[in-house]
Amino acid sequence: MTQKRNGKEKRMFTIELRSKADVRNASLDDKKGILIEGSIGTLVRARFLDDLVLEVVGSDGELRMDLSKKDLERLAGPGRSCDDWGRGA
């Protein structure tokens, strides 16, 4: 899921919503950047897929990001681990 652009490794993400009504704001301005705000609904599950992709599932959509368990553990610091959160697996 990671891609390279201008010689740098970039993190990829996907947002999948059930309805356009779940998008609260989308701003595409070349000068200020891009902003996407919305709701994935009530948290159903958060987990790592193959320890490489963080998947957050809500009642109204999903967010997937190229972020591994090791990435989060490195940021969290020594002695802290990242496991599945929420209901189900």
N, C-alpha and C. Protein backbone atom coordinates (compact mmCIF):
# COMPACT_ATOMS: atom_id res chain seq x y z
N MET A 1 0.81 -1.18 0.00
CA MET A 1 0.00 0.00 0.00
C MET A 1 0.86 1.27 0.00
N THR A 2 2.09 1.19 0.50
CA THR A 2 2.98 2.34 0.49
C THR A 2 3.42 2.62 -0.94
N GLN A 3 3.48 3.91 -1.31
CA GLN A 3 3.94 4.30 -2.63
C GLN A 3 5.07 5.29 -2.49
N LYS A 4 5.86 5.42 -3.57
CA LYS A 4 6.93 6.41 -3.57
C LYS A 4 6.54 7.54 -4.51
N ARG A 5 6.80 8.77 -4.05
CA ARG A 5 6.55 9.95 -4.86
C ARG A 5 7.68 10.94 -4.60
N ASN A 6 8.26 11.43 -5.65
CA ASN A 6 9.42 12.33 -5.53
C ASN A 6 10.53 11.70 -4.70
N GLY A 7 10.68 10.38 -4.84
CA GLY A 7 11.74 9.67 -4.12
C GLY A 7 11.46 9.42 -2.66
N LYS A 8 10.30 9.84 -2.16
CA LYS A 8 9.95 9.64 -0.74
C LYS A 8 8.83 8.63 -0.62
N GLU A 9 8.91 7.85 0.46
CA GLU A 9 7.86 6.87 0.74
C GLU A 9 6.64 7.59 1.31
N LYS A 10 5.47 7.32 0.74
CA LYS A 10 4.24 7.97 1.17
C LYS A 10 3.28 6.94 1.73
N ARG A 11 2.56 7.31 2.79
CA ARG A 11 1.55 6.45 3.40
C ARG A 11 0.24 6.62 2.64
N MET A 12 -0.42 5.54 2.34
CA MET A 12 -1.68 5.57 1.60
C MET A 12 -2.84 5.36 2.58
N PHE A 13 -4.03 5.85 2.20
CA PHE A 13 -5.22 5.61 3.00
C PHE A 13 -6.42 5.48 2.08
N THR A 14 -7.45 4.85 2.60
CA THR A 14 -8.72 4.68 1.90
C THR A 14 -9.83 4.99 2.89
N ILE A 15 -10.80 5.76 2.43
CA ILE A 15 -12.00 6.02 3.23
C ILE A 15 -13.18 5.55 2.39
N GLU A 16 -13.97 4.67 2.96
CA GLU A 16 -15.15 4.15 2.28
C GLU A 16 -16.37 4.44 3.15
N LEU A 17 -17.29 5.26 2.63
CA LEU A 17 -18.48 5.63 3.39
C LEU A 17 -19.72 5.03 2.72
N ARG A 18 -20.71 4.72 3.51
CA ARG A 18 -21.93 4.12 3.00
C ARG A 18 -22.81 5.13 2.25
N SER A 19 -22.68 6.43 2.60
CA SER A 19 -23.56 7.45 2.04
C SER A 19 -22.84 8.78 1.92
N LYS A 20 -23.21 9.58 0.92
CA LYS A 20 -22.67 10.94 0.79
C LYS A 20 -23.03 11.79 2.00
N ALA A 21 -24.12 11.47 2.65
CA ALA A 21 -24.56 12.22 3.84
C ALA A 21 -23.55 12.13 4.98
N ASP A 22 -22.66 11.12 4.96
CA ASP A 22 -21.65 10.96 6.00
C ASP A 22 -20.43 11.85 5.78
N VAL A 23 -20.36 12.54 4.63
CA VAL A 23 -19.29 13.50 4.38
C VAL A 23 -19.77 14.85 4.89
N ARG A 24 -19.07 15.38 5.89
CA ARG A 24 -19.47 16.65 6.47
C ARG A 24 -18.86 17.82 5.70
N ASN A 25 -17.61 17.65 5.25
CA ASN A 25 -16.92 18.72 4.55
C ASN A 25 -15.86 18.12 3.65
N ALA A 26 -15.75 18.64 2.44
CA ALA A 26 -14.68 18.27 1.52
C ALA A 26 -14.21 19.56 0.86
N SER A 27 -12.96 19.88 1.06
CA SER A 27 -12.40 21.11 0.53
C SER A 27 -11.18 20.77 -0.31
N LEU A 28 -11.22 21.16 -1.58
CA LEU A 28 -10.11 20.91 -2.49
C LEU A 28 -9.56 22.26 -2.94
N ASP A 29 -8.54 22.75 -2.24
CA ASP A 29 -7.95 24.05 -2.54
C ASP A 29 -6.46 23.84 -2.73
N ASP A 30 -5.97 24.09 -3.95
CA ASP A 30 -4.55 23.86 -4.25
C ASP A 30 -3.62 24.65 -3.33
N LYS A 31 -4.05 25.82 -2.88
CA LYS A 31 -3.19 26.66 -2.05
C LYS A 31 -3.18 26.21 -0.59
N LYS A 32 -4.32 25.73 -0.09
CA LYS A 32 -4.43 25.36 1.32
C LYS A 32 -4.39 23.85 1.54
N GLY A 33 -4.42 23.07 0.49
CA GLY A 33 -4.42 21.62 0.62
C GLY A 33 -5.82 21.06 0.50
N ILE A 34 -5.99 19.85 0.95
CA ILE A 34 -7.26 19.14 0.84
C ILE A 34 -7.71 18.72 2.23
N LEU A 35 -8.98 18.94 2.51
CA LEU A 35 -9.55 18.56 3.80
C LEU A 35 -10.79 17.71 3.54
N ILE A 36 -10.85 16.55 4.18
CA ILE A 36 -12.02 15.69 4.09
C ILE A 36 -12.45 15.38 5.52
N GLU A 37 -13.68 15.73 5.87
CA GLU A 37 -14.23 15.45 7.19
C GLU A 37 -15.53 14.69 7.03
N GLY A 38 -15.76 13.78 7.93
CA GLY A 38 -17.00 13.03 7.88
C GLY A 38 -17.12 12.11 9.07
N SER A 39 -18.01 11.16 8.95
CA SER A 39 -18.25 10.23 10.04
C SER A 39 -18.30 8.80 9.51
N ILE A 40 -17.64 7.91 10.23
CA ILE A 40 -17.76 6.48 9.91
C ILE A 40 -18.77 5.82 10.85
N GLY A 41 -19.46 6.64 11.64
CA GLY A 41 -20.50 6.13 12.55
C GLY A 41 -19.91 5.61 13.85
N THR A 42 -20.65 4.74 14.48
CA THR A 42 -20.25 4.14 15.75
C THR A 42 -19.11 3.15 15.52
N LEU A 43 -18.11 3.20 16.37
CA LEU A 43 -16.97 2.29 16.24
C LEU A 43 -17.42 0.84 16.40
N VAL A 44 -17.08 0.04 15.41
CA VAL A 44 -17.39 -1.39 15.44
C VAL A 44 -16.13 -2.18 15.77
N ARG A 45 -15.01 -1.78 15.12
CA ARG A 45 -13.78 -2.56 15.29
C ARG A 45 -12.59 -1.73 14.80
N ALA A 46 -11.46 -1.93 15.41
CA ALA A 46 -10.18 -1.40 14.94
C ALA A 46 -9.18 -2.53 15.05
N ARG A 47 -8.49 -2.78 13.96
CA ARG A 47 -7.54 -3.90 13.97
C ARG A 47 -6.49 -3.69 12.89
N PHE A 48 -5.47 -4.51 12.97
CA PHE A 48 -4.43 -4.52 11.95
C PHE A 48 -4.66 -5.70 11.03
N LEU A 49 -4.61 -5.44 9.73
CA LEU A 49 -4.72 -6.49 8.73
C LEU A 49 -3.30 -6.91 8.37
N ASP A 50 -2.97 -8.15 8.63
CA ASP A 50 -1.63 -8.69 8.35
C ASP A 50 -0.52 -7.83 8.97
N ASP A 51 -0.82 -7.15 10.07
CA ASP A 51 0.14 -6.28 10.78
C ASP A 51 0.68 -5.15 9.91
N LEU A 52 0.02 -4.87 8.77
CA LEU A 52 0.52 -3.85 7.84
C LEU A 52 -0.43 -2.69 7.61
N VAL A 53 -1.73 -2.91 7.82
CA VAL A 53 -2.74 -1.89 7.53
C VAL A 53 -3.64 -1.75 8.75
N LEU A 54 -3.80 -0.51 9.22
CA LEU A 54 -4.75 -0.24 10.30
C LEU A 54 -6.13 -0.06 9.68
N GLU A 55 -7.08 -0.84 10.13
CA GLU A 55 -8.46 -0.76 9.63
C GLU A 55 -9.36 -0.36 10.79
N VAL A 56 -10.09 0.75 10.60
CA VAL A 56 -11.05 1.21 11.58
C VAL A 56 -12.42 1.11 10.93
N VAL A 57 -13.27 0.25 11.49
CA VAL A 57 -14.59 -0.01 10.91
C VAL A 57 -15.65 0.62 11.79
N GLY A 58 -16.52 1.39 11.17
CA GLY A 58 -17.65 1.99 11.85
C GLY A 58 -18.94 1.49 11.25
N SER A 59 -20.04 1.85 11.85
CA SER A 59 -21.34 1.40 11.35
C SER A 59 -21.67 2.01 9.98
N ASP A 60 -21.01 3.13 9.63
CA ASP A 60 -21.30 3.80 8.36
C ASP A 60 -20.14 3.85 7.38
N GLY A 61 -19.04 3.20 7.71
CA GLY A 61 -17.91 3.22 6.78
C GLY A 61 -16.64 2.66 7.38
N GLU A 62 -15.59 2.68 6.56
CA GLU A 62 -14.29 2.16 6.98
C GLU A 62 -13.18 3.11 6.60
N LEU A 63 -12.14 3.10 7.42
CA LEU A 63 -10.92 3.84 7.14
C LEU A 63 -9.79 2.83 7.19
N ARG A 64 -8.98 2.80 6.15
CA ARG A 64 -7.80 1.92 6.13
C ARG A 64 -6.58 2.79 5.87
N MET A 65 -5.51 2.51 6.61
CA MET A 65 -4.30 3.30 6.46
C MET A 65 -3.08 2.41 6.50
N ASP A 66 -2.14 2.73 5.65
CA ASP A 66 -0.87 2.02 5.58
C ASP A 66 -0.05 2.37 6.83
N LEU A 67 -0.35 1.68 7.92
CA LEU A 67 0.28 1.93 9.21
C LEU A 67 0.38 0.60 9.94
N SER A 68 1.58 0.15 10.16
CA SER A 68 1.77 -1.17 10.77
C SER A 68 1.78 -1.10 12.29
N LYS A 69 1.65 -2.26 12.91
CA LYS A 69 1.77 -2.35 14.36
C LYS A 69 3.13 -1.85 14.81
N LYS A 70 4.16 -2.22 14.07
CA LYS A 70 5.52 -1.81 14.42
C LYS A 70 5.67 -0.30 14.37
N ASP A 71 5.02 0.35 13.38
CA ASP A 71 5.07 1.81 13.29
C ASP A 71 4.50 2.43 14.56
N LEU A 72 3.33 1.96 14.99
CA LEU A 72 2.69 2.52 16.18
C LEU A 72 3.47 2.22 17.44
N GLU A 73 3.99 1.01 17.55
CA GLU A 73 4.77 0.65 18.74
C GLU A 73 6.03 1.49 18.83
N ARG A 74 6.65 1.78 17.69
CA ARG A 74 7.84 2.62 17.67
C ARG A 74 7.49 4.04 18.15
N LEU A 75 6.34 4.56 17.71
CA LEU A 75 5.91 5.88 18.13
C LEU A 75 5.45 5.91 19.59
N ALA A 76 4.83 4.81 20.05
CA ALA A 76 4.30 4.75 21.41
C ALA A 76 5.41 4.68 22.45
N GLY A 77 6.52 4.07 22.08
CA GLY A 77 7.63 3.97 23.01
C GLY A 77 7.79 2.57 23.56
N PRO A 78 8.86 2.32 24.27
CA PRO A 78 9.16 0.98 24.79
C PRO A 78 8.13 0.51 25.82
N GLY A 79 7.86 -0.78 25.79
CA GLY A 79 6.96 -1.38 26.77
C GLY A 79 5.49 -1.25 26.43
N ARG A 80 5.15 -0.57 25.36
CA ARG A 80 3.74 -0.42 24.99
C ARG A 80 3.49 -1.23 23.73
N SER A 81 2.33 -1.87 23.65
CA SER A 81 2.00 -2.68 22.47
C SER A 81 0.68 -2.23 21.88
N CYS A 82 0.43 -2.64 20.66
CA CYS A 82 -0.80 -2.30 19.95
C CYS A 82 -1.53 -3.60 19.62
N ASP A 83 -2.72 -3.75 20.14
CA ASP A 83 -3.55 -4.93 19.87
C ASP A 83 -4.87 -4.47 19.28
N ASP A 84 -5.72 -5.43 18.93
CA ASP A 84 -7.05 -5.08 18.39
C ASP A 84 -7.87 -4.35 19.44
N TRP A 85 -8.60 -3.34 18.99
CA TRP A 85 -9.50 -2.61 19.86
C TRP A 85 -10.92 -2.82 19.38
N GLY A 86 -11.88 -2.63 20.23
CA GLY A 86 -13.29 -2.69 19.83
C GLY A 86 -13.87 -4.08 19.93
N ARG A 87 -15.05 -4.20 19.36
CA ARG A 87 -15.78 -5.48 19.41
C ARG A 87 -15.46 -6.31 18.19
N GLY A 88 -15.30 -7.59 18.38
CA GLY A 88 -15.07 -8.50 17.27
C GLY A 88 -13.61 -8.49 16.84
N ALA A 89 -13.31 -9.36 15.87
CA ALA A 89 -11.94 -9.43 15.35
C ALA A 89 -11.95 -9.76 13.91
